[in-house]
């Protein structure tokens, strides 16, 4: 089971790095600065909350951090959609990011459900 948590940590870290690299390629203007900051904040928060969950003081603390990670993943998904909607990135440039984002959300949902069952 711990291997699964290490896998999600690796995936969320790699995902955040990919988001940061994407943001660094955005055109420089006030709108993309704001969206870029939000994207970096939410995507890096996914990983940091997963790491914090593993260091949780209790099962309740673990579940809470995993729920926050899930929330941040959903927010990240929306910010990626917004970058596409405003036309600064083509949809085909974000397909793999959106797919990975969806998979991370599914994994987090499964971890949360399984943790709640064993409570």
N, C-alpha and C. Protein backbone atom coordinates (compact mmCIF):
# COMPACT_ATOMS: atom_id res chain seq x y z
N UNK A 1 0.83 -1.20 0.00
CA UNK A 1 0.00 0.00 0.00
C UNK A 1 0.86 1.26 0.00
N UNK A 2 1.95 1.26 0.77
CA UNK A 2 2.81 2.46 0.81
C UNK A 2 3.37 2.74 -0.58
N UNK A 3 3.65 1.72 -1.36
CA UNK A 3 4.16 1.93 -2.72
C UNK A 3 3.17 2.79 -3.51
N UNK A 4 1.87 2.55 -3.32
CA UNK A 4 0.87 3.35 -4.03
C UNK A 4 0.98 4.82 -3.66
N UNK A 5 1.24 5.11 -2.39
CA UNK A 5 1.38 6.49 -1.97
C UNK A 5 2.65 7.10 -2.55
N UNK A 6 3.71 6.31 -2.63
CA UNK A 6 4.93 6.81 -3.25
C UNK A 6 4.70 7.09 -4.73
N UNK A 7 3.92 6.23 -5.38
CA UNK A 7 3.60 6.43 -6.79
C UNK A 7 2.82 7.74 -6.99
N UNK A 8 1.82 7.99 -6.15
CA UNK A 8 1.03 9.21 -6.31
C UNK A 8 1.88 10.43 -5.96
N UNK A 9 2.80 10.29 -5.02
CA UNK A 9 3.71 11.40 -4.73
C UNK A 9 4.58 11.72 -5.94
N UNK A 10 5.13 10.68 -6.56
CA UNK A 10 5.96 10.90 -7.75
C UNK A 10 5.14 11.53 -8.87
N UNK A 11 3.97 10.99 -9.10
CA UNK A 11 3.13 11.50 -10.19
C UNK A 11 2.72 12.94 -9.94
N UNK A 12 2.35 13.25 -8.70
CA UNK A 12 1.92 14.63 -8.41
C UNK A 12 3.09 15.60 -8.50
N UNK A 13 4.28 15.15 -8.11
CA UNK A 13 5.47 15.99 -8.23
C UNK A 13 5.78 16.26 -9.70
N UNK A 14 5.82 15.18 -10.49
CA UNK A 14 6.10 15.32 -11.93
C UNK A 14 5.05 16.19 -12.62
N UNK A 15 3.80 16.03 -12.21
CA UNK A 15 2.71 16.83 -12.77
C UNK A 15 2.94 18.31 -12.46
N UNK A 16 3.28 18.63 -11.23
CA UNK A 16 3.52 20.02 -10.85
C UNK A 16 4.69 20.60 -11.65
N UNK A 17 5.73 19.83 -11.85
CA UNK A 17 6.88 20.29 -12.65
C UNK A 17 6.44 20.58 -14.08
N UNK A 18 5.62 19.72 -14.64
CA UNK A 18 5.12 19.94 -16.00
C UNK A 18 4.27 21.22 -16.08
N UNK A 19 3.46 21.46 -15.06
CA UNK A 19 2.65 22.68 -15.03
C UNK A 19 3.56 23.91 -14.96
N UNK A 20 4.56 23.87 -14.10
CA UNK A 20 5.48 25.01 -13.99
C UNK A 20 6.16 25.27 -15.33
N UNK A 21 6.60 24.23 -16.00
CA UNK A 21 7.24 24.40 -17.32
C UNK A 21 6.28 25.01 -18.32
N UNK A 22 5.01 24.59 -18.27
CA UNK A 22 4.01 25.15 -19.17
C UNK A 22 3.81 26.64 -18.88
N UNK A 23 3.70 26.98 -17.59
CA UNK A 23 3.48 28.38 -17.20
C UNK A 23 4.66 29.25 -17.65
N UNK A 24 5.87 28.71 -17.56
CA UNK A 24 7.04 29.49 -17.98
C UNK A 24 7.02 29.82 -19.47
N UNK A 25 6.25 29.08 -20.24
CA UNK A 25 6.15 29.32 -21.69
C UNK A 25 4.99 30.25 -22.06
N UNK A 26 4.16 30.62 -21.08
CA UNK A 26 3.02 31.50 -21.38
C UNK A 26 3.53 32.89 -21.76
N UNK A 27 2.77 33.59 -22.62
CA UNK A 27 3.15 34.97 -22.94
C UNK A 27 3.08 35.81 -21.65
N UNK A 28 3.91 36.82 -21.61
CA UNK A 28 3.99 37.64 -20.40
C UNK A 28 3.01 38.81 -20.47
N UNK A 29 1.94 38.72 -19.68
CA UNK A 29 0.96 39.81 -19.56
C UNK A 29 0.21 39.63 -18.24
N UNK A 30 -0.50 40.65 -17.78
CA UNK A 30 -1.16 40.55 -16.47
C UNK A 30 -2.11 39.36 -16.32
N UNK A 31 -2.83 39.01 -17.36
CA UNK A 31 -3.77 37.89 -17.28
C UNK A 31 -3.03 36.56 -17.08
N UNK A 32 -1.99 36.34 -17.86
CA UNK A 32 -1.27 35.08 -17.74
C UNK A 32 -0.44 35.02 -16.45
N UNK A 33 -0.02 36.16 -15.94
CA UNK A 33 0.67 36.16 -14.64
C UNK A 33 -0.27 35.62 -13.56
N UNK A 34 -1.51 36.12 -13.59
CA UNK A 34 -2.50 35.70 -12.58
C UNK A 34 -2.87 34.23 -12.74
N UNK A 35 -3.20 33.84 -13.97
CA UNK A 35 -3.57 32.44 -14.21
C UNK A 35 -2.38 31.53 -13.94
N UNK A 36 -1.20 31.95 -14.36
CA UNK A 36 0.00 31.15 -14.13
C UNK A 36 0.28 30.94 -12.65
N UNK A 37 0.12 31.99 -11.87
CA UNK A 37 0.34 31.88 -10.42
C UNK A 37 -0.66 30.90 -9.82
N UNK A 38 -1.92 31.00 -10.22
CA UNK A 38 -2.94 30.10 -9.70
C UNK A 38 -2.64 28.64 -10.09
N UNK A 39 -2.20 28.46 -11.32
CA UNK A 39 -1.85 27.11 -11.78
C UNK A 39 -0.70 26.53 -10.97
N UNK A 40 0.32 27.33 -10.75
CA UNK A 40 1.47 26.86 -9.96
C UNK A 40 1.05 26.59 -8.52
N UNK A 41 0.28 27.51 -7.94
CA UNK A 41 -0.16 27.33 -6.55
C UNK A 41 -0.97 26.05 -6.38
N UNK A 42 -1.97 25.85 -7.23
CA UNK A 42 -2.85 24.69 -7.06
C UNK A 42 -2.14 23.38 -7.40
N UNK A 43 -1.33 23.36 -8.45
CA UNK A 43 -0.67 22.10 -8.84
C UNK A 43 0.39 21.68 -7.83
N UNK A 44 1.14 22.63 -7.30
CA UNK A 44 2.15 22.27 -6.30
C UNK A 44 1.50 21.90 -4.97
N UNK A 45 0.32 22.44 -4.72
CA UNK A 45 -0.41 22.11 -3.50
C UNK A 45 -0.90 20.66 -3.50
N UNK A 46 -1.18 20.12 -4.68
CA UNK A 46 -1.56 18.71 -4.78
C UNK A 46 -0.46 17.87 -4.14
N UNK A 47 0.74 18.06 -4.64
CA UNK A 47 1.89 17.27 -4.16
C UNK A 47 2.18 17.54 -2.69
N UNK A 48 2.18 18.78 -2.28
CA UNK A 48 2.53 19.08 -0.88
C UNK A 48 1.51 18.49 0.08
N UNK A 49 0.25 18.47 -0.29
CA UNK A 49 -0.76 17.88 0.60
C UNK A 49 -0.67 16.36 0.65
N UNK A 50 -0.26 15.74 -0.44
CA UNK A 50 -0.05 14.29 -0.42
C UNK A 50 1.13 13.96 0.50
N UNK A 51 2.19 14.73 0.42
CA UNK A 51 3.35 14.52 1.29
C UNK A 51 2.94 14.74 2.75
N UNK A 52 2.18 15.80 3.01
CA UNK A 52 1.72 16.06 4.37
C UNK A 52 0.81 14.95 4.88
N UNK A 53 -0.01 14.39 4.00
CA UNK A 53 -0.92 13.30 4.40
C UNK A 53 -0.14 12.11 4.92
N UNK A 54 0.94 11.78 4.26
CA UNK A 54 1.75 10.64 4.69
C UNK A 54 2.40 10.89 6.04
N UNK A 55 2.55 12.15 6.40
CA UNK A 55 3.12 12.49 7.70
C UNK A 55 2.04 12.86 8.70
N UNK A 56 0.80 12.57 8.35
CA UNK A 56 -0.34 12.94 9.19
C UNK A 56 -0.26 12.40 10.60
N UNK A 57 -0.87 13.13 11.50
CA UNK A 57 -0.87 12.76 12.91
C UNK A 57 -1.92 11.69 13.23
N UNK A 58 -2.89 11.56 12.34
CA UNK A 58 -3.97 10.60 12.56
C UNK A 58 -4.57 10.24 11.20
N UNK A 59 -5.43 9.24 11.22
CA UNK A 59 -6.13 8.87 9.99
C UNK A 59 -7.00 10.03 9.50
N UNK A 60 -7.63 10.73 10.43
CA UNK A 60 -8.45 11.89 10.07
C UNK A 60 -7.60 12.97 9.39
N UNK A 61 -6.41 13.22 9.91
CA UNK A 61 -5.49 14.19 9.32
C UNK A 61 -5.06 13.74 7.92
N UNK A 62 -4.77 12.44 7.77
CA UNK A 62 -4.40 11.86 6.48
C UNK A 62 -5.51 12.10 5.46
N UNK A 63 -6.73 11.75 5.83
CA UNK A 63 -7.87 11.89 4.92
C UNK A 63 -8.09 13.36 4.57
N UNK A 64 -7.98 14.24 5.56
CA UNK A 64 -8.17 15.67 5.31
C UNK A 64 -7.17 16.19 4.28
N UNK A 65 -5.90 15.81 4.41
CA UNK A 65 -4.89 16.29 3.44
C UNK A 65 -5.14 15.69 2.05
N UNK A 66 -5.58 14.46 2.00
CA UNK A 66 -5.90 13.86 0.70
C UNK A 66 -7.10 14.56 0.06
N UNK A 67 -8.07 14.96 0.87
CA UNK A 67 -9.22 15.71 0.34
C UNK A 67 -8.78 17.08 -0.17
N UNK A 68 -7.87 17.71 0.53
CA UNK A 68 -7.35 19.00 0.06
C UNK A 68 -6.60 18.81 -1.25
N UNK A 69 -5.80 17.75 -1.34
CA UNK A 69 -5.08 17.45 -2.59
C UNK A 69 -6.06 17.26 -3.74
N UNK A 70 -7.16 16.54 -3.47
CA UNK A 70 -8.19 16.33 -4.50
C UNK A 70 -8.81 17.66 -4.92
N UNK A 71 -9.11 18.51 -3.95
CA UNK A 71 -9.69 19.82 -4.23
C UNK A 71 -8.74 20.65 -5.10
N UNK A 72 -7.47 20.63 -4.76
CA UNK A 72 -6.47 21.38 -5.52
C UNK A 72 -6.31 20.81 -6.93
N UNK A 73 -6.44 19.50 -7.06
CA UNK A 73 -6.37 18.87 -8.39
C UNK A 73 -7.53 19.32 -9.26
N UNK A 74 -8.71 19.41 -8.66
CA UNK A 74 -9.88 19.88 -9.42
C UNK A 74 -9.71 21.35 -9.81
N UNK A 75 -9.15 22.14 -8.92
CA UNK A 75 -8.90 23.54 -9.24
C UNK A 75 -7.88 23.67 -10.37
N UNK A 76 -6.83 22.86 -10.31
CA UNK A 76 -5.80 22.88 -11.36
C UNK A 76 -6.42 22.56 -12.71
N UNK A 77 -7.29 21.56 -12.74
CA UNK A 77 -7.96 21.18 -13.98
C UNK A 77 -8.69 22.38 -14.58
N UNK A 78 -9.39 23.11 -13.72
CA UNK A 78 -10.16 24.26 -14.18
C UNK A 78 -9.25 25.36 -14.72
N UNK A 79 -8.10 25.59 -14.04
CA UNK A 79 -7.18 26.62 -14.53
C UNK A 79 -6.58 26.23 -15.89
N UNK A 80 -6.31 24.96 -16.08
CA UNK A 80 -5.81 24.51 -17.39
C UNK A 80 -6.86 24.78 -18.45
N UNK A 81 -8.11 24.46 -18.15
CA UNK A 81 -9.20 24.74 -19.09
C UNK A 81 -9.27 26.24 -19.41
N UNK A 82 -9.04 27.07 -18.40
CA UNK A 82 -9.11 28.51 -18.61
C UNK A 82 -8.00 29.00 -19.53
N UNK A 83 -6.80 28.47 -19.36
CA UNK A 83 -5.68 28.85 -20.22
C UNK A 83 -6.01 28.55 -21.68
N UNK A 84 -6.65 27.42 -21.90
CA UNK A 84 -7.07 27.05 -23.25
C UNK A 84 -8.19 27.98 -23.72
N UNK A 85 -9.16 28.23 -22.85
CA UNK A 85 -10.33 29.05 -23.22
C UNK A 85 -9.95 30.47 -23.62
N UNK A 86 -8.93 31.03 -22.99
CA UNK A 86 -8.52 32.40 -23.34
C UNK A 86 -7.59 32.42 -24.54
N UNK A 87 -7.20 31.25 -25.02
CA UNK A 87 -6.47 31.16 -26.27
C UNK A 87 -4.96 31.34 -26.16
N UNK A 88 -4.39 31.23 -24.98
CA UNK A 88 -2.94 31.38 -24.89
C UNK A 88 -2.19 30.06 -25.09
N UNK A 89 -2.94 28.96 -25.01
CA UNK A 89 -2.38 27.63 -25.29
C UNK A 89 -3.42 26.86 -26.10
N UNK A 90 -2.94 26.15 -27.10
CA UNK A 90 -3.84 25.33 -27.92
C UNK A 90 -4.29 24.11 -27.13
N UNK A 91 -5.53 23.67 -27.36
CA UNK A 91 -6.05 22.50 -26.64
C UNK A 91 -5.15 21.27 -26.75
N UNK A 92 -4.55 21.05 -27.92
CA UNK A 92 -3.70 19.86 -28.09
C UNK A 92 -2.43 19.92 -27.24
N UNK A 93 -2.06 21.09 -26.75
CA UNK A 93 -0.88 21.23 -25.90
C UNK A 93 -1.17 20.89 -24.44
N UNK A 94 -2.44 20.77 -24.10
CA UNK A 94 -2.78 20.48 -22.71
C UNK A 94 -3.46 19.12 -22.53
N UNK A 95 -3.66 18.39 -23.62
CA UNK A 95 -4.37 17.10 -23.54
C UNK A 95 -3.73 16.16 -22.53
N UNK A 96 -2.41 15.99 -22.61
CA UNK A 96 -1.76 15.02 -21.71
C UNK A 96 -1.77 15.53 -20.26
N UNK A 97 -1.71 16.84 -20.07
CA UNK A 97 -1.80 17.39 -18.71
C UNK A 97 -3.19 17.15 -18.12
N UNK A 98 -4.21 17.39 -18.93
CA UNK A 98 -5.58 17.17 -18.45
C UNK A 98 -5.82 15.69 -18.14
N UNK A 99 -5.28 14.82 -18.99
CA UNK A 99 -5.44 13.38 -18.76
C UNK A 99 -4.75 12.98 -17.45
N UNK A 100 -3.53 13.44 -17.24
CA UNK A 100 -2.82 13.12 -16.01
C UNK A 100 -3.54 13.70 -14.81
N UNK A 101 -4.06 14.91 -14.96
CA UNK A 101 -4.81 15.56 -13.88
C UNK A 101 -6.02 14.70 -13.50
N UNK A 102 -6.75 14.21 -14.51
CA UNK A 102 -7.92 13.35 -14.25
C UNK A 102 -7.51 12.07 -13.53
N UNK A 103 -6.39 11.49 -13.94
CA UNK A 103 -5.93 10.25 -13.31
C UNK A 103 -5.53 10.49 -11.85
N UNK A 104 -4.89 11.60 -11.59
CA UNK A 104 -4.51 11.95 -10.22
C UNK A 104 -5.76 12.10 -9.36
N UNK A 105 -6.76 12.77 -9.89
CA UNK A 105 -8.03 12.93 -9.16
C UNK A 105 -8.63 11.56 -8.84
N UNK A 106 -8.67 10.67 -9.83
CA UNK A 106 -9.24 9.33 -9.62
C UNK A 106 -8.47 8.57 -8.54
N UNK A 107 -7.16 8.65 -8.57
CA UNK A 107 -6.34 7.97 -7.56
C UNK A 107 -6.64 8.53 -6.18
N UNK A 108 -6.72 9.85 -6.08
CA UNK A 108 -7.02 10.48 -4.78
C UNK A 108 -8.40 10.08 -4.27
N UNK A 109 -9.37 10.04 -5.16
CA UNK A 109 -10.73 9.61 -4.76
C UNK A 109 -10.68 8.19 -4.21
N UNK A 110 -9.95 7.31 -4.88
CA UNK A 110 -9.84 5.92 -4.44
C UNK A 110 -9.15 5.84 -3.07
N UNK A 111 -8.07 6.58 -2.89
CA UNK A 111 -7.36 6.58 -1.60
C UNK A 111 -8.29 7.07 -0.50
N UNK A 112 -9.03 8.14 -0.77
CA UNK A 112 -9.95 8.70 0.23
C UNK A 112 -11.03 7.67 0.58
N UNK A 113 -11.66 7.09 -0.44
CA UNK A 113 -12.72 6.09 -0.21
C UNK A 113 -12.20 4.90 0.60
N UNK A 114 -11.04 4.38 0.22
CA UNK A 114 -10.48 3.24 0.93
C UNK A 114 -10.12 3.60 2.36
N UNK A 115 -9.64 4.80 2.57
CA UNK A 115 -9.28 5.23 3.92
C UNK A 115 -10.51 5.41 4.79
N UNK A 116 -11.57 5.92 4.20
CA UNK A 116 -12.82 6.09 4.96
C UNK A 116 -13.44 4.74 5.33
N UNK A 117 -13.31 3.76 4.43
CA UNK A 117 -13.85 2.42 4.70
C UNK A 117 -13.12 1.77 5.87
N UNK A 118 -11.82 2.00 5.94
CA UNK A 118 -11.03 1.33 6.98
C UNK A 118 -11.01 2.11 8.29
N UNK A 119 -11.76 3.22 8.35
CA UNK A 119 -11.79 4.01 9.58
C UNK A 119 -12.66 3.37 10.64
